Amino acid sequence: MVVGVVGVFLVTTVYFAVFAVIVGPVAVGLGISARRKVKRGEAHGSGFATAGLVMGIVSSVIGAAVIALIVIAFALAGDGGGSGDPWEDGGTFRAGAVAADRDAERGPTARV
């Protein structure tokens, strides 16, 4: 159950969602193992085993969803291509692009 709780905590922190995806399956495996031991009579605490299993599944699914959303956000956050570097097309300086960028920053009334 402890590994499941750690997995759920890691999901709540976006920076550690990757670790939640790693810890989640471990919690699922330990939960399944604990449930088998309870069924055989070797251990007690069926509720704890089930809780660990459920939290492991939840942390795995939510962690994977958070990672997918982060990847999608980065993919959509592109600036439309190009780095804004006037030298980027093989060493030819694009003065026109620099002037256009400067004029765009100043606004339409800046040109005299």
C-alpha atoms as a PDB file:
ATOM      1  CA  MET A   1       0.000   0.000   0.000  1.00  0.00           C
ATOM      2  CA  VAL A   2       2.872   2.357   0.753  1.00  0.00           C
ATOM      3  CA  VAL A   3       4.197   2.133  -2.805  1.00  0.00           C
ATOM      4  CA  GLY A   4       0.691   2.930  -4.082  1.00  0.00           C
ATOM      5  CA  VAL A   5       0.489   5.994  -1.842  1.00  0.00           C
ATOM      6  CA  VAL A   6       3.905   7.130  -3.107  1.00  0.00           C
ATOM      7  CA  GLY A   7       2.723   6.629  -6.689  1.00  0.00           C
ATOM      8  CA  VAL A   8      -0.405   8.715  -6.120  1.00  0.00           C
ATOM      9  CA  PHE A   9       1.700  11.442  -4.494  1.00  0.00           C
ATOM     10  CA  LEU A  10       4.111  11.462  -7.425  1.00  0.00           C
ATOM     11  CA  VAL A  11       1.209  11.937  -9.843  1.00  0.00           C
ATOM     12  CA  THR A  12       0.142  15.088  -8.021  1.00  0.00           C
ATOM     13  CA  THR A  13       3.524  16.641  -8.732  1.00  0.00           C
ATOM     14  CA  VAL A  14       3.746  17.093 -12.487  1.00  0.00           C
ATOM     15  CA  TYR A  15       7.547  16.952 -12.435  1.00  0.00           C
ATOM     16  CA  PHE A  16       7.549  13.422 -11.016  1.00  0.00           C
ATOM     17  CA  ALA A  17       4.780  11.928 -13.177  1.00  0.00           C
ATOM     18  CA  VAL A  18       7.402   9.810 -14.947  1.00  0.00           C
ATOM     19  CA  PHE A  19       8.321   8.179 -11.636  1.00  0.00           C
ATOM     20  CA  ALA A  20       4.627   7.559 -10.937  1.00  0.00           C
ATOM     21  CA  VAL A  21       4.417   5.516 -14.122  1.00  0.00           C
ATOM     22  CA  ILE A  22       7.387   3.470 -12.893  1.00  0.00           C
ATOM     23  CA  VAL A  23       6.187   3.115  -9.281  1.00  0.00           C
ATOM     24  CA  GLY A  24       2.561   2.360 -10.254  1.00  0.00           C
ATOM     25  CA  PRO A  25       3.196  -1.053 -11.809  1.00  0.00           C
ATOM     26  CA  VAL A  26       5.414  -1.968  -8.856  1.00  0.00           C
ATOM     27  CA  ALA A  27       2.501  -1.172  -6.538  1.00  0.00           C
ATOM     28  CA  VAL A  28       0.172  -3.248  -8.712  1.00  0.00           C
ATOM     29  CA  GLY A  29       2.539  -6.203  -8.582  1.00  0.00           C
ATOM     30  CA  LEU A  30       2.972  -5.958  -4.833  1.00  0.00           C
ATOM     31  CA  GLY A  31      -0.794  -5.586  -4.376  1.00  0.00           C
ATOM     32  CA  ILE A  32      -1.466  -8.716  -6.423  1.00  0.00           C
ATOM     33  CA  SER A  33       1.207 -10.596  -4.488  1.00  0.00           C
ATOM     34  CA  ALA A  34      -0.252  -9.475  -1.162  1.00  0.00           C
ATOM     35  CA  ARG A  35      -3.772 -10.469  -2.181  1.00  0.00           C
ATOM     36  CA  ARG A  36      -2.525 -13.950  -3.110  1.00  0.00           C
ATOM     37  CA  LYS A  37      -0.825 -14.301   0.280  1.00  0.00           C
ATOM     38  CA  VAL A  38      -4.043 -13.244   2.024  1.00  0.00           C
ATOM     39  CA  LYS A  39      -6.045 -15.819   0.049  1.00  0.00           C
ATOM     40  CA  ARG A  40      -3.567 -18.567   1.011  1.00  0.00           C
ATOM     41  CA  GLY A  41      -3.775 -17.515   4.651  1.00  0.00           C
ATOM     42  CA  GLU A  42      -0.115 -16.508   4.870  1.00  0.00           C
ATOM     43  CA  ALA A  43      -0.892 -12.867   5.654  1.00  0.00           C
ATOM     44  CA  HIS A  44      -3.620 -10.585   6.922  1.00  0.00           C
ATOM     45  CA  GLY A  45      -4.784  -7.245   5.585  1.00  0.00           C
ATOM     46  CA  SER A  46      -6.891  -7.866   2.532  1.00  0.00           C
ATOM     47  CA  GLY A  47      -8.005  -4.227   2.539  1.00  0.00           C
ATOM     48  CA  PHE A  48      -4.443  -2.923   2.487  1.00  0.00           C
ATOM     49  CA  ALA A  49      -3.558  -5.233  -0.393  1.00  0.00           C
ATOM     50  CA  THR A  50      -6.572  -4.069  -2.378  1.00  0.00           C
ATOM     51  CA  ALA A  51      -5.822  -0.428  -1.580  1.00  0.00           C
ATOM     52  CA  GLY A  52      -2.243  -0.811  -2.813  1.00  0.00           C
ATOM     53  CA  LEU A  53      -3.454  -2.492  -5.983  1.00  0.00           C
ATOM     54  CA  VAL A  54      -6.036   0.213  -6.700  1.00  0.00           C
ATOM     55  CA  MET A  55      -3.647   3.086  -5.963  1.00  0.00           C
ATOM     56  CA  GLY A  56      -1.028   1.491  -8.192  1.00  0.00           C
ATOM     57  CA  ILE A  57      -3.499   1.303 -11.060  1.00  0.00           C
ATOM     58  CA  VAL A  58      -4.663   4.877 -10.458  1.00  0.00           C
ATOM     59  CA  SER A  59      -1.126   6.271 -10.315  1.00  0.00           C
ATOM     60  CA  SER A  60      -0.135   4.401 -13.489  1.00  0.00           C
ATOM     61  CA  VAL A  61      -3.125   5.617 -15.472  1.00  0.00           C
ATOM     62  CA  ILE A  62      -3.037   9.213 -14.258  1.00  0.00           C
ATOM     63  CA  GLY A  63       0.757   9.366 -14.611  1.00  0.00           C
ATOM     64  CA  ALA A  64       0.544   8.187 -18.211  1.00  0.00           C
ATOM     65  CA  ALA A  65      -2.202  10.742 -18.897  1.00  0.00           C
ATOM     66  CA  VAL A  66      -0.147  13.564 -17.371  1.00  0.00           C
ATOM     67  CA  ILE A  67       2.886  12.596 -19.461  1.00  0.00           C
ATOM     68  CA  ALA A  68       0.719  12.468 -22.595  1.00  0.00           C
ATOM     69  CA  LEU A  69      -0.692  15.923 -21.827  1.00  0.00           C
ATOM     70  CA  ILE A  70       2.797  17.328 -21.279  1.00  0.00           C
ATOM     71  CA  VAL A  71       3.998  15.881 -24.591  1.00  0.00           C
ATOM     72  CA  ILE A  72       0.949  17.281 -26.391  1.00  0.00           C
ATOM     73  CA  ALA A  73       1.436  20.690 -24.759  1.00  0.00           C
ATOM     74  CA  PHE A  74       5.063  20.850 -25.873  1.00  0.00           C
ATOM     75  CA  ALA A  75       4.121  19.715 -29.372  1.00  0.00           C
ATOM     76  CA  LEU A  76       1.467  22.409 -29.694  1.00  0.00           C
ATOM     77  CA  ALA A  77       3.577  25.138 -28.101  1.00  0.00           C
ATOM     78  CA  GLY A  78       5.861  25.423 -31.117  1.00  0.00           C
ATOM     79  CA  ASP A  79       6.387  28.899 -32.530  1.00  0.00           C
ATOM     80  CA  GLY A  80       5.405  27.936 -36.054  1.00  0.00           C
ATOM     81  CA  GLY A  81       8.836  26.833 -37.167  1.00  0.00           C
ATOM     82  CA  GLY A  82      12.128  28.586 -37.430  1.00  0.00           C
ATOM     83  CA  SER A  83      14.274  29.755 -34.597  1.00  0.00           C
ATOM     84  CA  GLY A  84      14.170  33.443 -35.445  1.00  0.00           C
ATOM     85  CA  ASP A  85      17.857  33.301 -36.297  1.00  0.00           C
ATOM     86  CA  PRO A  86      18.639  35.458 -39.360  1.00  0.00           C
ATOM     87  CA  TRP A  87      21.554  33.119 -40.240  1.00  0.00           C
ATOM     88  CA  GLU A  88      19.554  29.884 -40.088  1.00  0.00           C
ATOM     89  CA  ASP A  89      19.227  29.179 -43.836  1.00  0.00           C
ATOM     90  CA  GLY A  90      22.719  27.960 -44.591  1.00  0.00           C
ATOM     91  CA  GLY A  91      24.822  30.997 -43.731  1.00  0.00           C
ATOM     92  CA  THR A  92      22.927  33.621 -45.732  1.00  0.00           C
ATOM     93  CA  PHE A  93      21.984  36.599 -43.619  1.00  0.00           C
ATOM     94  CA  ARG A  94      18.353  37.545 -44.065  1.00  0.00           C
ATOM     95  CA  ALA A  95      18.295  41.291 -43.473  1.00  0.00           C
ATOM     96  CA  GLY A  96      14.736  41.526 -44.757  1.00  0.00           C
ATOM     97  CA  ALA A  97      13.559  39.121 -42.071  1.00  0.00           C
ATOM     98  CA  VAL A  98      15.316  41.158 -39.376  1.00  0.00           C
ATOM     99  CA  ALA A  99      13.726  44.371 -40.639  1.00  0.00           C
ATOM    100  CA  ALA A 100      10.307  42.711 -40.807  1.00  0.00           C
ATOM    101  CA  ASP A 101      10.685  41.463 -37.233  1.00  0.00           C
ATOM    102  CA  ARG A 102      11.741  44.930 -36.086  1.00  0.00           C
ATOM    103  CA  ASP A 103       8.803  46.564 -37.851  1.00  0.00           C
ATOM    104  CA  ALA A 104       6.385  44.005 -36.423  1.00  0.00           C
ATOM    105  CA  GLU A 105       7.609  44.789 -32.910  1.00  0.00           C
ATOM    106  CA  ARG A 106       7.238  48.546 -33.407  1.00  0.00           C
ATOM    107  CA  GLY A 107       3.756  48.359 -34.828  1.00  0.00           C
ATOM    108  CA  PRO A 108       2.135  49.803 -37.943  1.00  0.00           C
ATOM    109  CA  THR A 109       2.707  53.480 -37.069  1.00  0.00           C
ATOM    110  CA  ALA A 110       6.447  53.224 -36.546  1.00  0.00           C
ATOM    111  CA  ARG A 111       7.409  53.505 -40.213  1.00  0.00           C
ATOM    112  CA  VAL A 112       7.959  57.039 -41.438  1.00  0.00           C
END
